[in-house]
Amino acid sequence: QVRLAESGGGLVQPGGSLRLSCAASGSIVSIGAMGWYRQVLGKEREAVAGITSDYSTNYADSVKGRFTISRDNAKNTVYLQMNSLKKEDTAVYYCYAAVYDKVVTRDHWGQGTQVTVSS
């Protein structure tokens, strides 16, 4: 069993910052790609940022220059530093991780954390 636990969401004013964390635990041999998606009610889930095991990163155009993704392989944790937040960043944020558990590599997802940007 693999579990991803997210934290760090909440309510913030426009222009503010939040840092999301996502820690993987359980039957983990290694983790490949990790990252973040977000979803607004009634819309499709969209990719926000991703990071490979060798720290190569990619971002959605809408967050480039404002969000930074990072990871700590020793802690099996991925982070998303969100600065200069806008109202349109309001969404439920989900982390994912490609986990190898001695048998197969599978994508695992967190339960989601709400980020609300509002004055």
Protein backbone atom coordinates (compact mmCIF):
# COMPACT_ATOMS: atom_id res chain seq x y z
CA GLN A 1 0.00 0.00 0.00
CA VAL A 2 1.17 3.47 -0.91
CA ARG A 3 -0.34 6.62 0.52
CA LEU A 4 0.17 10.27 -0.46
CA ALA A 5 -0.64 12.80 2.22
CA GLU A 6 -1.02 16.45 1.21
CA SER A 7 -0.89 19.51 3.42
CA GLY A 8 -0.57 23.27 3.18
CA GLY A 9 -3.77 24.36 1.47
CA GLY A 10 -5.98 27.12 2.76
CA LEU A 11 -7.35 30.61 2.24
CA VAL A 12 -5.03 33.37 1.06
CA GLN A 13 -5.47 36.87 -0.32
CA PRO A 14 -4.54 37.70 -3.91
CA GLY A 15 -0.81 38.29 -4.14
CA GLY A 16 -0.13 36.00 -1.21
CA SER A 17 1.79 32.74 -0.97
CA LEU A 18 1.20 29.16 0.05
CA ARG A 19 3.40 26.08 0.16
CA LEU A 20 1.90 22.68 -0.51
CA SER A 21 3.57 19.47 0.62
CA CYS A 22 2.89 15.88 -0.36
CA ALA A 23 4.58 12.99 1.42
CA ALA A 24 4.50 9.44 0.09
CA SER A 25 4.61 6.49 2.47
CA GLY A 26 4.18 2.71 2.39
CA SER A 27 5.70 0.06 0.14
CA ILE A 28 8.10 2.29 -1.79
CA VAL A 29 11.28 1.18 -3.50
CA SER A 30 11.73 4.27 -5.60
CA ILE A 31 9.73 7.20 -6.96
CA GLY A 32 9.97 8.54 -10.48
CA ALA A 33 8.03 11.56 -11.58
CA MET A 34 6.08 13.58 -9.02
CA GLY A 35 3.89 16.58 -9.46
CA TRP A 36 0.72 18.54 -8.99
CA TYR A 37 -2.60 18.87 -10.79
CA ARG A 38 -5.55 21.07 -9.91
CA GLN A 39 -9.25 20.94 -10.54
CA VAL A 40 -12.07 23.43 -10.34
CA LEU A 41 -15.56 22.05 -9.81
CA GLY A 42 -17.13 21.35 -13.18
CA LYS A 43 -13.86 21.53 -15.08
CA GLU A 44 -11.24 19.00 -16.10
CA ARG A 45 -8.21 18.37 -13.94
CA GLU A 46 -5.21 20.27 -15.31
CA ALA A 47 -1.48 19.75 -14.88
CA VAL A 48 0.24 22.44 -12.83
CA ALA A 49 3.85 21.31 -12.40
CA GLY A 50 5.96 18.17 -12.57
CA ILE A 51 9.42 17.09 -11.51
CA THR A 52 11.40 14.01 -12.51
CA SER A 53 13.65 11.91 -10.30
CA ASP A 54 16.66 13.84 -11.62
CA TYR A 55 14.97 17.17 -10.81
CA SER A 56 13.94 18.25 -14.30
CA THR A 57 10.84 20.43 -13.99
CA ASN A 58 7.96 21.60 -16.15
CA TYR A 59 5.14 24.06 -15.52
CA ALA A 60 1.82 25.09 -16.96
CA ASP A 61 2.12 28.42 -18.76
CA SER A 62 -0.39 29.94 -16.33
CA VAL A 63 1.92 29.40 -13.33
CA LYS A 64 5.40 29.90 -14.81
CA GLY A 65 7.40 32.44 -12.84
CA ARG A 66 5.02 32.22 -9.85
CA PHE A 67 5.09 28.56 -8.77
CA THR A 68 8.13 26.43 -7.97
CA ILE A 69 8.10 22.67 -7.64
CA SER A 70 10.78 20.81 -5.68
CA ARG A 71 11.30 17.42 -4.08
CA ASP A 72 13.18 15.77 -1.26
CA ASN A 73 13.93 12.19 -2.28
CA ALA A 74 15.11 11.24 1.20
CA LYS A 75 11.66 12.16 2.54
CA ASN A 76 9.66 10.97 -0.52
CA THR A 77 8.11 14.41 -0.55
CA VAL A 78 7.20 16.89 -3.27
CA TYR A 79 6.53 20.58 -2.65
CA LEU A 80 4.78 23.35 -4.53
CA GLN A 81 5.70 26.89 -3.57
CA MET A 82 2.98 29.20 -4.87
CA ASN A 83 3.68 32.94 -4.96
CA SER A 84 1.75 35.91 -6.36
CA LEU A 85 -1.44 33.90 -6.12
CA LYS A 86 -4.41 34.94 -8.23
CA LYS A 87 -8.12 34.27 -7.83
CA GLU A 88 -7.94 31.95 -10.83
CA ASP A 89 -5.53 29.71 -8.89
CA THR A 90 -8.43 28.70 -6.66
CA ALA A 91 -8.89 24.94 -7.00
CA VAL A 92 -8.40 21.60 -5.32
CA TYR A 93 -4.76 20.64 -5.75
CA TYR A 94 -3.80 16.98 -6.11
CA CYS A 95 -0.31 15.54 -5.95
CA TYR A 96 0.81 12.42 -7.76
CA ALA A 97 3.81 10.13 -7.69
CA ALA A 98 4.98 7.30 -9.93
CA VAL A 99 5.94 4.70 -7.33
CA TYR A 100 7.85 1.47 -7.88
CA ASP A 101 6.92 -1.04 -5.17
CA LYS A 102 9.15 -4.04 -6.13
CA VAL A 103 6.56 -5.36 -8.57
CA VAL A 104 5.36 -2.55 -10.79
CA THR A 105 5.39 1.22 -11.19
CA ARG A 106 1.99 2.82 -10.60
CA ASP A 107 0.73 6.38 -10.38
CA HIS A 108 -0.65 7.22 -6.96
CA TRP A 109 -2.70 10.28 -6.05
CA GLY A 110 -3.29 12.31 -2.94
CA GLN A 111 -6.74 13.12 -1.60
CA GLY A 112 -6.56 16.76 -2.63
CA THR A 113 -6.16 20.00 -0.72
CA GLN A 114 -8.26 23.12 -1.24
CA VAL A 115 -6.56 26.37 -2.18
CA THR A 116 -8.79 29.44 -2.13
CA VAL A 117 -7.51 32.83 -3.25
CA SER A 118 -9.92 35.55 -2.21
CA SER A 119 -9.98 38.99 -0.66
